Amino acid sequence: MITFRFARKEDLKSIKQIAEETWWPTYSKFLPEGQIETMLNEFYTEDSLALQMDNGHHFILAGEDIPLGFVSYSETEEPSIIKIHKLYISPKGQGKGIGKALINKVEQIAKAEGASTIELFVNRSNPAVDFYEKVGFLIKKAIDTPYHQYILDDYVMHKPIS
């Protein structure tokens, strides 16, 4: 049975661990090693995650006996849109419905807050694009964002909340 709970600062080590377990096997197939290291060091240190929490990112942990995945989301300047910033499931938790359950959880929260859309950015080469489409996200546009010496080539995807 999948359980959910909002993460607290004492959960930052678990969030960091899930990210590290997930990033290397996923992103090493289509991102340079240096970009993965840079992004992990910039966004997934305990200090960086704490700052994200302080700046309005909500983290939800999901798992069985231990956390196997997490999602982070926040409100946006557009009150009708809730943005998912991160969604990662550790390799040992993949295929158990945790990703879909976390998206459903964010959708319930967004609906309760009066939002009509969930938004996320995903690398255009990421196989997760197919997953997001299966759970109701649509590609809104492609964007290229300079990031250090790299280009983040993402899709902006939206899911209408019913």
C-alpha atoms as a PDB file:
ATOM      1  CA  MET A   1       0.000   0.000   0.000  1.00  0.00           C
ATOM      2  CA  ILE A   2       1.354   3.407  -0.995  1.00  0.00           C
ATOM      3  CA  THR A   3       1.431   6.010   1.764  1.00  0.00           C
ATOM      4  CA  PHE A   4       1.954   9.746   1.414  1.00  0.00           C
ATOM      5  CA  ARG A   5       3.162  12.488   3.683  1.00  0.00           C
ATOM      6  CA  PHE A   6       4.443  16.007   3.371  1.00  0.00           C
ATOM      7  CA  ALA A   7       8.195  16.114   3.779  1.00  0.00           C
ATOM      8  CA  ARG A   8       9.861  18.000   6.593  1.00  0.00           C
ATOM      9  CA  LYS A   9      13.411  19.291   6.807  1.00  0.00           C
ATOM     10  CA  GLU A  10      14.480  16.046   8.506  1.00  0.00           C
ATOM     11  CA  ASP A  11      13.461  14.237   5.265  1.00  0.00           C
ATOM     12  CA  LEU A  12      15.944  16.111   3.082  1.00  0.00           C
ATOM     13  CA  LYS A  13      18.510  13.298   3.233  1.00  0.00           C
ATOM     14  CA  SER A  14      15.915  10.835   1.880  1.00  0.00           C
ATOM     15  CA  ILE A  15      14.915  13.242  -0.911  1.00  0.00           C
ATOM     16  CA  LYS A  16      18.558  13.742  -1.872  1.00  0.00           C
ATOM     17  CA  GLN A  17      19.148   9.973  -1.872  1.00  0.00           C
ATOM     18  CA  ILE A  18      16.135   9.276  -4.103  1.00  0.00           C
ATOM     19  CA  ALA A  19      17.293  11.976  -6.537  1.00  0.00           C
ATOM     20  CA  GLU A  20      20.817  10.557  -6.720  1.00  0.00           C
ATOM     21  CA  GLU A  21      19.526   6.980  -7.168  1.00  0.00           C
ATOM     22  CA  THR A  22      17.271   8.157  -9.980  1.00  0.00           C
ATOM     23  CA  TRP A  23      19.292  10.766 -11.844  1.00  0.00           C
ATOM     24  CA  TRP A  24      22.306   8.679 -12.855  1.00  0.00           C
ATOM     25  CA  PRO A  25      20.496   5.711 -14.412  1.00  0.00           C
ATOM     26  CA  THR A  26      17.902   7.964 -16.051  1.00  0.00           C
ATOM     27  CA  TYR A  27      19.776  11.010 -17.294  1.00  0.00           C
ATOM     28  CA  SER A  28      23.151   9.467 -18.144  1.00  0.00           C
ATOM     29  CA  LYS A  29      21.492   8.086 -21.282  1.00  0.00           C
ATOM     30  CA  PHE A  30      20.960  11.559 -22.764  1.00  0.00           C
ATOM     31  CA  LEU A  31      22.718  14.248 -20.669  1.00  0.00           C
ATOM     32  CA  PRO A  32      26.450  14.887 -20.279  1.00  0.00           C
ATOM     33  CA  GLU A  33      27.933  13.706 -16.978  1.00  0.00           C
ATOM     34  CA  GLY A  34      28.998  17.271 -16.133  1.00  0.00           C
ATOM     35  CA  GLN A  35      25.445  18.555 -16.494  1.00  0.00           C
ATOM     36  CA  ILE A  36      24.098  15.841 -14.189  1.00  0.00           C
ATOM     37  CA  GLU A  37      26.751  16.628 -11.573  1.00  0.00           C
ATOM     38  CA  THR A  38      26.093  20.368 -11.842  1.00  0.00           C
ATOM     39  CA  MET A  39      22.341  19.982 -11.477  1.00  0.00           C
ATOM     40  CA  LEU A  40      22.579  17.536  -8.565  1.00  0.00           C
ATOM     41  CA  ASN A  41      25.018  19.857  -6.794  1.00  0.00           C
ATOM     42  CA  GLU A  42      22.870  22.911  -7.446  1.00  0.00           C
ATOM     43  CA  PHE A  43      19.386  21.565  -6.737  1.00  0.00           C
ATOM     44  CA  TYR A  44      19.740  18.460  -4.578  1.00  0.00           C
ATOM     45  CA  THR A  45      22.025  19.304  -1.693  1.00  0.00           C
ATOM     46  CA  GLU A  46      20.259  19.366   1.656  1.00  0.00           C
ATOM     47  CA  ASP A  47      20.852  23.136   1.867  1.00  0.00           C
ATOM     48  CA  SER A  48      19.379  23.722  -1.595  1.00  0.00           C
ATOM     49  CA  LEU A  49      16.358  21.525  -0.863  1.00  0.00           C
ATOM     50  CA  ALA A  50      15.787  23.368   2.442  1.00  0.00           C
ATOM     51  CA  LEU A  51      15.907  26.692   0.605  1.00  0.00           C
ATOM     52  CA  GLN A  52      13.380  25.385  -1.929  1.00  0.00           C
ATOM     53  CA  MET A  53      11.065  24.431   0.947  1.00  0.00           C
ATOM     54  CA  ASP A  54      11.524  27.874   2.475  1.00  0.00           C
ATOM     55  CA  ASN A  55      10.620  29.427  -0.894  1.00  0.00           C
ATOM     56  CA  GLY A  56       7.262  27.662  -1.221  1.00  0.00           C
ATOM     57  CA  HIS A  57       8.061  24.279  -2.749  1.00  0.00           C
ATOM     58  CA  HIS A  58       5.986  21.558  -1.132  1.00  0.00           C
ATOM     59  CA  PHE A  59       7.486  18.069  -1.112  1.00  0.00           C
ATOM     60  CA  ILE A  60       5.370  14.936  -0.787  1.00  0.00           C
ATOM     61  CA  LEU A  61       7.052  11.620  -0.053  1.00  0.00           C
ATOM     62  CA  ALA A  62       5.472   8.357  -1.161  1.00  0.00           C
ATOM     63  CA  GLY A  63       6.363   4.786  -0.458  1.00  0.00           C
ATOM     64  CA  GLU A  64       5.567   1.631   1.334  1.00  0.00           C
ATOM     65  CA  ASP A  65       7.708   1.072   4.440  1.00  0.00           C
ATOM     66  CA  ILE A  66      10.265   3.678   3.366  1.00  0.00           C
ATOM     67  CA  PRO A  67      10.113   6.646   0.978  1.00  0.00           C
ATOM     68  CA  LEU A  68      10.464   5.408  -2.597  1.00  0.00           C
ATOM     69  CA  GLY A  69       9.631   8.609  -4.425  1.00  0.00           C
ATOM     70  CA  PHE A  70       8.746  12.246  -4.108  1.00  0.00           C
ATOM     71  CA  VAL A  71       7.136  15.131  -5.895  1.00  0.00           C
ATOM     72  CA  SER A  72       7.658  18.835  -5.326  1.00  0.00           C
ATOM     73  CA  TYR A  73       5.241  21.484  -6.475  1.00  0.00           C
ATOM     74  CA  SER A  74       4.439  25.124  -5.919  1.00  0.00           C
ATOM     75  CA  GLU A  75       1.931  27.759  -6.790  1.00  0.00           C
ATOM     76  CA  THR A  76       2.836  29.990  -9.737  1.00  0.00           C
ATOM     77  CA  GLU A  77       2.259  33.633 -10.565  1.00  0.00           C
ATOM     78  CA  GLU A  78      -0.748  32.409 -12.526  1.00  0.00           C
ATOM     79  CA  PRO A  79      -3.239  31.288  -9.830  1.00  0.00           C
ATOM     80  CA  SER A  80      -4.832  28.720 -12.136  1.00  0.00           C
ATOM     81  CA  ILE A  81      -1.534  26.801 -12.546  1.00  0.00           C
ATOM     82  CA  ILE A  82       0.279  24.561 -10.054  1.00  0.00           C
ATOM     83  CA  LYS A  83       3.784  23.630 -11.187  1.00  0.00           C
ATOM     84  CA  ILE A  84       5.446  20.287 -10.537  1.00  0.00           C
ATOM     85  CA  HIS A  85       9.173  20.941 -10.172  1.00  0.00           C
ATOM     86  CA  LYS A  86      10.389  17.439  -9.391  1.00  0.00           C
ATOM     87  CA  LEU A  87       8.983  13.928  -9.618  1.00  0.00           C
ATOM     88  CA  TYR A  88      11.361  11.066  -8.961  1.00  0.00           C
ATOM     89  CA  ILE A  89      10.821   7.441  -8.061  1.00  0.00           C
ATOM     90  CA  SER A  90      13.786   5.366  -6.916  1.00  0.00           C
ATOM     91  CA  PRO A  91      14.579   2.384  -9.152  1.00  0.00           C
ATOM     92  CA  LYS A  92      13.301  -0.016  -6.457  1.00  0.00           C
ATOM     93  CA  GLY A  93       9.961   1.833  -6.421  1.00  0.00           C
ATOM     94  CA  GLN A  94       9.403   2.116 -10.158  1.00  0.00           C
ATOM     95  CA  GLY A  95       6.536   0.181 -11.727  1.00  0.00           C
ATOM     96  CA  LYS A  96       4.434   0.239  -8.550  1.00  0.00           C
ATOM     97  CA  GLY A  97       2.148   3.131  -9.489  1.00  0.00           C
ATOM     98  CA  ILE A  98       3.911   5.620  -7.208  1.00  0.00           C
ATOM     99  CA  GLY A  99       4.512   8.233  -9.922  1.00  0.00           C
ATOM    100  CA  LYS A 100       0.881   8.209 -11.038  1.00  0.00           C
ATOM    101  CA  ALA A 101      -0.278   8.292  -7.403  1.00  0.00           C
ATOM    102  CA  LEU A 102       1.908  11.341  -6.702  1.00  0.00           C
ATOM    103  CA  ILE A 103       0.529  13.161  -9.736  1.00  0.00           C
ATOM    104  CA  ASN A 104      -2.996  12.337  -8.587  1.00  0.00           C
ATOM    105  CA  LYS A 105      -2.139  13.705  -5.139  1.00  0.00           C
ATOM    106  CA  VAL A 106      -0.896  16.990  -6.611  1.00  0.00           C
ATOM    107  CA  GLU A 107      -3.997  17.136  -8.800  1.00  0.00           C
ATOM    108  CA  GLN A 108      -6.254  16.771  -5.723  1.00  0.00           C
ATOM    109  CA  ILE A 109      -4.355  19.553  -3.950  1.00  0.00           C
ATOM    110  CA  ALA A 110      -4.424  21.798  -7.022  1.00  0.00           C
ATOM    111  CA  LYS A 111      -8.153  21.272  -7.447  1.00  0.00           C
ATOM    112  CA  ALA A 112      -8.768  22.115  -3.776  1.00  0.00           C
ATOM    113  CA  GLU A 113      -6.753  25.312  -4.255  1.00  0.00           C
ATOM    114  CA  GLY A 114      -8.820  26.325  -7.285  1.00  0.00           C
ATOM    115  CA  ALA A 115      -6.210  25.643  -9.953  1.00  0.00           C
ATOM    116  CA  SER A 116      -7.286  24.364 -13.349  1.00  0.00           C
ATOM    117  CA  THR A 117      -3.922  23.164 -14.691  1.00  0.00           C
ATOM    118  CA  ILE A 118      -0.801  21.338 -13.579  1.00  0.00           C
ATOM    119  CA  GLU A 119       2.384  22.289 -15.418  1.00  0.00           C
ATOM    120  CA  LEU A 120       5.803  20.670 -15.602  1.00  0.00           C
ATOM    121  CA  PHE A 121       8.956  20.843 -17.671  1.00  0.00           C
ATOM    122  CA  VAL A 122      10.557  17.626 -18.914  1.00  0.00           C
ATOM    123  CA  ASN A 123      13.638  17.073 -21.061  1.00  0.00           C
ATOM    124  CA  ARG A 124      12.550  16.266 -24.594  1.00  0.00           C
ATOM    125  CA  SER A 125      14.776  13.140 -24.617  1.00  0.00           C
ATOM    126  CA  ASN A 126      13.435  11.829 -21.311  1.00  0.00           C
ATOM    127  CA  PRO A 127      11.391   8.631 -21.673  1.00  0.00           C
ATOM    128  CA  ALA A 128       9.125  10.073 -18.946  1.00  0.00           C
ATOM    129  CA  VAL A 129       7.462  12.173 -21.675  1.00  0.00           C
ATOM    130  CA  ASP A 130       5.474   9.036 -22.608  1.00  0.00           C
ATOM    131  CA  PHE A 131       4.502   8.475 -18.960  1.00  0.00           C
ATOM    132  CA  TYR A 132       3.288  12.057 -18.596  1.00  0.00           C
ATOM    133  CA  GLU A 133       1.210  11.769 -21.755  1.00  0.00           C
ATOM    134  CA  LYS A 134      -0.353   8.523 -20.465  1.00  0.00           C
ATOM    135  CA  VAL A 135      -1.451  10.269 -17.260  1.00  0.00           C
ATOM    136  CA  GLY A 136      -3.066  13.153 -19.152  1.00  0.00           C
ATOM    137  CA  PHE A 137      -0.363  15.756 -19.784  1.00  0.00           C
ATOM    138  CA  LEU A 138      -0.199  17.466 -23.159  1.00  0.00           C
ATOM    139  CA  ILE A 139       2.829  19.109 -24.736  1.00  0.00           C
ATOM    140  CA  LYS A 140       2.180  22.849 -24.772  1.00  0.00           C
ATOM    141  CA  LYS A 141       5.499  23.932 -26.294  1.00  0.00           C
ATOM    142  CA  ALA A 142       9.217  23.192 -26.583  1.00  0.00           C
ATOM    143  CA  ILE A 143      11.687  25.542 -24.922  1.00  0.00           C
ATOM    144  CA  ASP A 144      15.469  25.854 -24.815  1.00  0.00           C
ATOM    145  CA  THR A 145      16.858  27.437 -21.654  1.00  0.00           C
ATOM    146  CA  PRO A 146      20.549  28.320 -21.209  1.00  0.00           C
ATOM    147  CA  TYR A 147      21.933  26.727 -18.041  1.00  0.00           C
ATOM    148  CA  HIS A 148      25.636  27.230 -17.299  1.00  0.00           C
ATOM    149  CA  GLN A 149      27.372  25.907 -20.432  1.00  0.00           C
ATOM    150  CA  TYR A 150      24.395  23.658 -21.304  1.00  0.00           C
ATOM    151  CA  ILE A 151      20.993  24.061 -22.917  1.00  0.00           C
ATOM    152  CA  LEU A 152      17.956  22.622 -21.149  1.00  0.00           C
ATOM    153  CA  ASP A 153      15.816  21.371 -24.023  1.00  0.00           C
ATOM    154  CA  ASP A 154      12.447  20.806 -22.425  1.00  0.00           C
ATOM    155  CA  TYR A 155       8.809  20.365 -23.196  1.00  0.00           C
ATOM    156  CA  VAL A 156       6.396  22.440 -21.195  1.00  0.00           C
ATOM    157  CA  MET A 157       3.544  20.050 -20.465  1.00  0.00           C
ATOM    158  CA  HIS A 158       0.102  20.855 -19.059  1.00  0.00           C
ATOM    159  CA  LYS A 159      -2.546  18.640 -17.540  1.00  0.00           C
ATOM    160  CA  PRO A 160      -6.041  20.094 -17.299  1.00  0.00           C
ATOM    161  CA  ILE A 161      -7.689  19.375 -13.950  1.00  0.00           C
ATOM    162  CA  SER A 162     -11.144  17.925 -14.345  1.00  0.00           C
END
